[in-house]
Protein backbone atom coordinates (compact mmCIF):
# COMPACT_ATOMS: atom_id res chain seq x y z
CA MET A 1 135.06 110.47 150.77
CA ARG A 2 132.91 113.13 149.56
CA SER A 3 135.05 113.35 146.37
CA ASN A 4 134.64 109.62 145.74
CA ILE A 5 130.87 109.87 146.27
CA GLY A 6 130.60 112.70 143.89
CA LYS A 7 132.48 110.83 141.32
CA THR A 8 130.31 107.85 141.67
CA ALA A 9 127.10 109.91 141.38
CA LEU A 10 128.53 111.58 138.22
CA PHE A 11 129.42 108.05 136.79
CA LEU A 12 125.98 106.80 137.55
CA ALA A 13 124.24 109.73 136.10
CA ALA A 14 126.28 109.39 133.07
CA ALA A 15 125.52 105.62 132.79
CA VAL A 16 121.78 106.36 133.17
CA ALA A 17 122.12 109.08 130.40
CA MET A 18 123.86 106.80 128.17
CA SER A 19 121.51 103.95 128.81
CA SER A 20 118.57 106.23 128.02
CA ALA A 21 120.11 107.48 124.87
CA THR A 22 120.93 103.92 123.70
CA ALA A 23 117.45 102.81 124.49
CA ALA A 24 116.04 105.80 122.43
CA TRP A 25 118.49 105.09 119.48
CA ALA A 26 117.58 101.21 119.57
CA ALA A 27 113.94 101.85 119.98
CA PRO A 28 111.74 100.27 117.10
CA LEU A 29 110.26 102.62 114.49
CA THR A 30 106.83 103.97 115.05
CA VAL A 31 105.13 104.07 111.72
CA VAL A 32 101.64 105.36 110.73
CA ALA A 33 100.07 104.48 107.42
CA THR A 34 97.09 106.14 106.03
CA THR A 35 95.45 102.91 104.55
CA PRO A 36 95.84 99.15 105.18
CA GLU A 37 97.65 97.98 102.10
CA LEU A 38 100.44 100.63 102.68
CA GLY A 39 100.56 99.43 106.44
CA ALA A 40 100.86 95.77 105.18
CA VAL A 41 103.87 96.72 102.96
CA ALA A 42 105.40 98.86 105.63
CA GLY A 43 105.11 95.89 107.95
CA ALA A 44 106.60 93.50 105.57
CA VAL A 45 109.71 95.92 105.14
CA GLY A 46 110.09 97.01 108.78
CA GLY A 47 109.55 93.40 110.25
CA PRO A 48 108.15 92.64 113.54
CA GLU A 49 110.39 95.12 115.27
CA THR A 50 108.44 98.08 113.60
CA LYS A 51 105.15 99.14 115.16
CA ILE A 52 102.69 99.84 112.37
CA THR A 53 99.43 101.70 112.98
CA VAL A 54 96.78 102.30 110.17
CA LEU A 55 94.42 105.24 110.16
CA ALA A 56 91.71 103.92 107.73
CA LYS A 57 89.57 100.96 108.33
CA PRO A 58 89.87 98.26 105.71
CA THR A 59 86.07 98.51 105.05
CA GLU A 60 86.20 102.46 104.78
CA ASP A 61 86.16 104.59 101.75
CA PRO A 62 89.87 105.91 101.62
CA HIS A 63 88.59 109.30 100.22
CA PHE A 64 86.30 109.90 103.09
CA VAL A 65 88.04 108.57 106.32
CA ASP A 66 86.43 109.42 109.74
CA ALA A 67 89.17 111.40 111.26
CA ARG A 68 89.28 111.02 115.03
CA PRO A 69 91.21 112.82 117.91
CA SER A 70 92.95 109.61 118.47
CA HIS A 71 94.58 109.73 115.09
CA ILE A 72 96.22 113.14 116.17
CA VAL A 73 97.68 111.44 119.19
CA THR A 74 98.94 108.48 117.06
CA LEU A 75 100.63 110.85 114.44
CA ASN A 76 102.11 112.88 117.29
CA HIS A 77 104.22 109.85 118.31
CA ALA A 78 105.12 108.67 114.87
CA ASP A 79 108.65 108.48 113.47
CA ALA A 80 107.12 108.15 109.89
CA LEU A 81 103.91 108.69 108.12
CA ILE A 82 103.17 106.80 104.88
CA GLU A 83 100.50 108.11 102.68
CA GLY A 84 99.37 107.16 99.24
CA GLY A 85 99.56 110.65 97.80
CA ALA A 86 98.07 111.64 94.46
CA GLU A 87 95.39 113.49 96.54
CA LEU A 88 93.82 110.37 97.93
CA GLU A 89 94.03 111.61 101.52
CA VAL A 90 93.73 115.37 100.72
CA GLY A 91 90.24 115.69 102.33
CA TRP A 92 91.10 114.40 105.84
CA LEU A 93 94.88 113.93 106.40
CA PRO A 94 96.31 117.48 106.39
CA PRO A 95 94.15 118.69 109.52
CA LEU A 96 95.30 115.69 111.48
CA VAL A 97 98.93 116.33 110.54
CA ASP A 98 98.58 119.82 111.56
CA GLY A 99 97.10 118.96 114.81
CA ALA A 100 99.65 116.44 115.72
CA ARG A 101 102.49 118.97 115.73
CA ASN A 102 105.15 116.39 114.90
CA PRO A 103 108.06 117.71 112.83
CA LYS A 104 109.16 114.25 111.85
CA ILE A 105 106.02 113.79 109.63
CA LEU A 106 105.60 117.37 108.13
CA PRO A 107 105.82 117.68 104.30
CA GLY A 108 109.38 117.42 103.26
CA ALA A 109 110.65 115.80 106.39
CA PRO A 110 112.51 112.47 106.18
CA GLY A 111 109.48 110.77 107.97
CA ARG A 112 106.94 111.90 105.37
CA ILE A 113 106.72 109.11 102.87
CA ILE A 114 104.65 109.53 99.73
CA ALA A 115 104.04 106.17 98.13
CA SER A 116 103.01 107.41 94.80
CA GLU A 117 106.33 108.78 94.10
CA GLY A 118 108.00 106.86 91.20
CA ILE A 119 104.68 105.36 90.15
CA GLN A 120 103.36 105.98 86.63
CA LEU A 121 99.84 106.98 87.43
CA LEU A 122 96.92 106.33 85.14
CA ASP A 123 93.87 108.71 84.29
CA VAL A 124 95.76 111.98 84.44
CA PRO A 125 93.19 114.53 83.46
CA ALA A 126 94.15 117.15 80.96
CA SER A 127 92.15 119.73 82.95
CA VAL A 128 90.17 119.63 86.26
CA ASP A 129 86.80 121.23 86.98
CA ARG A 130 83.79 120.22 89.14
CA SER A 131 81.75 119.02 86.19
CA GLN A 132 84.02 115.99 86.12
CA GLY A 133 83.25 114.90 89.55
CA GLU A 134 85.76 114.27 92.27
CA ILE A 135 88.64 113.48 90.14
CA HIS A 136 92.41 113.66 91.02
CA ALA A 137 94.64 116.26 89.28
CA ALA A 138 97.61 113.93 89.78
CA GLY A 139 95.94 110.89 88.52
CA ASN A 140 94.15 107.70 89.70
CA PRO A 141 95.39 107.07 93.29
CA HIS A 142 94.40 103.41 93.45
CA PHE A 143 97.74 102.32 92.06
CA MET A 144 98.39 99.57 94.62
CA MET A 145 95.77 97.35 92.73
CA ASP A 146 98.73 96.69 90.48
CA PRO A 147 101.00 94.31 92.43
CA ALA A 148 103.92 95.59 90.25
CA ASN A 149 103.40 98.95 92.05
CA ALA A 150 103.66 97.37 95.46
CA ARG A 151 107.06 96.13 94.41
CA ILE A 152 108.06 99.79 93.71
CA VAL A 153 106.55 101.05 97.03
CA ALA A 154 108.32 98.51 99.02
CA ALA A 155 111.82 99.79 97.66
CA HIS A 156 110.65 103.32 98.42
CA VAL A 157 109.63 102.38 101.97
CA ALA A 158 112.97 100.67 102.61
CA ASP A 159 114.75 103.70 101.26
CA ALA A 160 112.90 106.03 103.72
CA PHE A 161 113.40 103.69 106.68
CA CYS A 162 117.07 103.62 106.05
CA ARG A 163 117.18 107.44 106.20
CA ILE A 164 115.34 107.39 109.47
CA ASP A 165 117.12 104.48 111.07
CA ALA A 166 120.50 103.97 109.51
CA SER A 167 121.24 101.21 112.08
CA GLY A 168 118.41 99.02 110.87
CA CYS A 169 118.95 99.64 107.12
CA PRO A 170 120.40 96.17 106.38
CA ARG A 171 117.35 94.64 107.91
CA TYR A 172 114.82 96.80 105.93
CA ARG A 173 116.74 95.98 102.68
CA GLU A 174 116.68 92.31 103.20
CA ASN A 175 112.95 92.45 104.36
CA ALA A 176 112.02 94.49 101.17
CA GLN A 177 113.93 91.91 98.88
CA LYS A 178 112.16 89.08 100.43
CA PHE A 179 108.74 90.80 100.04
CA GLN A 180 109.64 91.64 96.43
CA ALA A 181 110.71 88.06 95.63
CA SER A 182 107.35 86.60 97.14
CA LEU A 183 105.46 89.02 95.15
CA ASP A 184 107.33 88.16 91.91
CA GLY A 185 106.60 84.54 92.49
CA ARG A 186 102.76 85.08 93.07
CA MET A 187 102.56 87.54 90.18
CA LYS A 188 103.37 84.73 87.98
CA GLY A 189 100.59 82.59 89.36
CA TRP A 190 98.15 85.52 89.22
CA SER A 191 98.96 86.24 85.43
CA ALA A 192 98.57 82.54 84.66
CA THR A 193 95.24 82.48 86.41
CA LEU A 194 93.87 85.45 84.52
CA ALA A 195 95.48 84.88 81.13
CA PRO A 196 92.41 82.77 79.84
CA PHE A 197 90.07 85.75 80.36
CA ALA A 198 92.23 88.39 78.46
CA GLY A 199 90.02 91.20 77.14
CA ARG A 200 86.96 90.16 79.21
CA ALA A 201 85.08 93.07 80.72
CA ILE A 202 83.93 93.68 84.11
CA VAL A 203 81.78 96.47 85.76
CA THR A 204 83.02 98.27 88.99
CA TYR A 205 81.44 101.04 91.01
CA HIS A 206 84.45 103.16 90.96
CA ALA A 207 87.66 103.37 88.97
CA THR A 208 89.57 101.53 91.72
CA TRP A 209 90.35 98.58 89.50
CA ARG A 210 91.97 100.37 86.47
CA TYR A 211 95.41 99.43 87.51
CA PHE A 212 94.40 95.78 88.19
CA CYS A 213 92.66 95.41 84.82
CA GLN A 214 95.57 97.04 82.98
CA ARG A 215 98.11 94.65 84.62
CA PHE A 216 95.98 91.44 83.92
CA GLY A 217 94.55 92.27 80.42
CA LEU A 218 90.91 92.79 81.60
CA SER A 219 88.70 95.56 80.54
CA CYS A 220 86.94 97.69 83.27
CA GLY A 221 85.73 101.11 81.63
CA ILE A 222 82.11 100.73 82.84
CA TYR A 223 81.28 102.25 86.36
CA LEU A 224 78.15 102.30 88.47
CA GLU A 225 78.82 105.71 89.52
CA PRO A 226 78.46 108.30 86.49
CA LYS A 227 81.47 110.27 87.63
CA PRO A 228 83.94 109.80 90.49
CA GLY A 229 82.21 110.55 93.80
CA ILE A 230 78.82 111.15 92.12
CA PRO A 231 76.04 108.74 93.37
CA PRO A 232 74.49 106.69 90.53
CA SER A 233 71.25 108.07 88.96
CA PRO A 234 68.59 106.14 87.26
CA PRO A 235 69.32 107.22 83.81
CA HIS A 236 72.97 106.32 84.22
CA LEU A 237 72.16 102.95 85.59
CA ALA A 238 69.84 102.31 82.75
CA GLU A 239 72.73 103.17 80.36
CA VAL A 240 75.05 100.63 82.23
CA ILE A 241 72.36 97.92 81.92
CA ARG A 242 72.30 98.57 78.25
CA LYS A 243 76.03 98.32 77.73
CA MET A 244 76.22 95.26 79.95
CA THR A 245 73.41 93.47 77.95
CA ASP A 246 74.75 94.58 74.52
CA GLY A 247 78.25 93.40 75.62
CA GLY A 248 77.27 90.21 77.41
CA ILE A 249 79.07 91.51 80.48
CA LYS A 250 78.05 89.41 83.41
CA ILE A 251 80.60 90.46 86.42
CA ILE A 252 80.21 93.38 88.63
CA LEU A 253 82.89 93.96 91.50
CA VAL A 254 81.67 95.21 94.81
CA GLU A 255 83.94 96.54 97.58
CA PRO A 256 82.84 96.63 101.35
CA TYR A 257 82.16 100.21 101.61
CA GLN A 258 80.25 100.53 98.30
CA PRO A 259 76.40 100.57 98.21
CA ARG A 260 75.73 96.85 97.38
CA ARG A 261 72.05 97.45 96.77
CA VAL A 262 72.77 99.51 93.54
CA ALA A 263 74.91 96.69 92.27
CA GLU A 264 72.15 94.17 93.14
CA THR A 265 69.77 96.22 91.10
CA VAL A 266 71.97 96.17 88.03
CA ALA A 267 72.58 92.43 88.46
CA GLU A 268 68.87 91.70 88.60
CA HIS A 269 68.39 93.33 85.14
CA THR A 270 71.58 91.81 83.59
CA GLY A 271 71.95 88.32 85.15
CA ALA A 272 75.33 89.40 86.33
CA VAL A 273 77.23 87.87 89.33
CA LEU A 274 78.33 90.11 92.04
CA VAL A 275 81.93 89.52 93.19
CA SER A 276 82.97 90.66 96.64
CA VAL A 277 86.52 92.17 96.37
CA ALA A 278 88.56 94.66 98.30
CA GLN A 279 91.52 96.91 97.88
CA PHE A 280 92.81 96.67 101.42
CA PRO A 281 93.93 93.74 103.55
CA GLY A 282 91.18 92.92 106.06
CA GLY A 283 88.54 94.07 103.73
CA LEU A 284 87.83 90.33 103.01
CA PRO A 285 87.88 87.43 105.59
CA GLY A 286 91.29 85.89 105.98
CA THR A 287 93.30 88.82 104.42
CA GLU A 288 94.09 90.96 107.43
CA GLY A 289 97.56 92.54 107.34
CA ASP A 290 98.72 90.69 104.35
CA TYR A 291 98.78 92.38 100.89
CA LEU A 292 99.85 89.12 99.01
CA THR A 293 96.91 87.06 100.51
CA LEU A 294 94.57 90.00 99.65
CA MET A 295 95.63 90.00 95.98
CA ASP A 296 95.48 86.09 96.03
CA THR A 297 91.79 86.29 97.27
CA ASN A 298 90.89 88.94 94.72
CA VAL A 299 92.39 86.99 91.70
CA LYS A 300 90.84 83.75 92.64
CA ALA A 301 87.32 85.41 93.18
CA ILE A 302 87.52 87.35 89.82
CA ALA A 303 88.86 84.29 87.91
CA ALA A 304 86.12 81.85 89.41
CA ALA A 305 83.29 84.42 88.34
CA LEU A 306 84.80 84.87 84.88
CA ALA A 307 85.07 81.19 84.41
CA GLY A 308 81.47 80.69 85.50
CA SER A 309 80.07 83.44 83.34
CA LYS A 310 81.06 82.04 79.93
């Protein structure tokens, strides 16, 4: 009798262990993204079964994210961490990763995903020194403003998810392909919408829109900040006003975290229109969690402003 009881107990213990192991194996991926657009692409690839947490707010400057203790806890439980790379998060992410003590997301681990890998970065400096402002040695990190790069990132994320969770790989591949197909369809529309304005110039606060302008044939080489990360000075703004007046430039793009009053001052002297845009889903109303909707909104707003400024 005791023997049967012992066998039964062993069987139940083994069943519980197998059940726990199966549950752990089948658990959805827990993914942390540094910025909202990366989180949106990760969500599209992972699907509803994947838990996505984003560290930066959509209205927050990604160079200067307010790191919080809760971020360390979030990273401690992550199966994967997706960062933009190209030194965008260098000022705030490393201490959080160190504090999380999670080997899954350390540099070089399968769960550490660098979105900029495989991207042809713009504005790579020949040399770097402090006189140039806060430039990035690897190049301009705002590459997701070119939708074609989002296509590359989706494939990259799917590859990484497959390495982490082989059982879910077919689903990740299918989701990535669906996202890419939707993006390709939207890209045709975005290109057609902006085609009539090829060569037109716009002014931005920071070099966030370099990739967007290159993709859609616009010019955006005039910035309200004199150098990356350096606040505008009166002499620099006077030079911006002169260039805008001489070139008949009537469009200034403003993102949620940028000082709007500076742009308003320039607009008052040039008759320019301020266009509210964002590089992150959720930065504009109705764009929460959806990269494609964000780009739709940006393209429509910029095209409408260009059409009205002829």
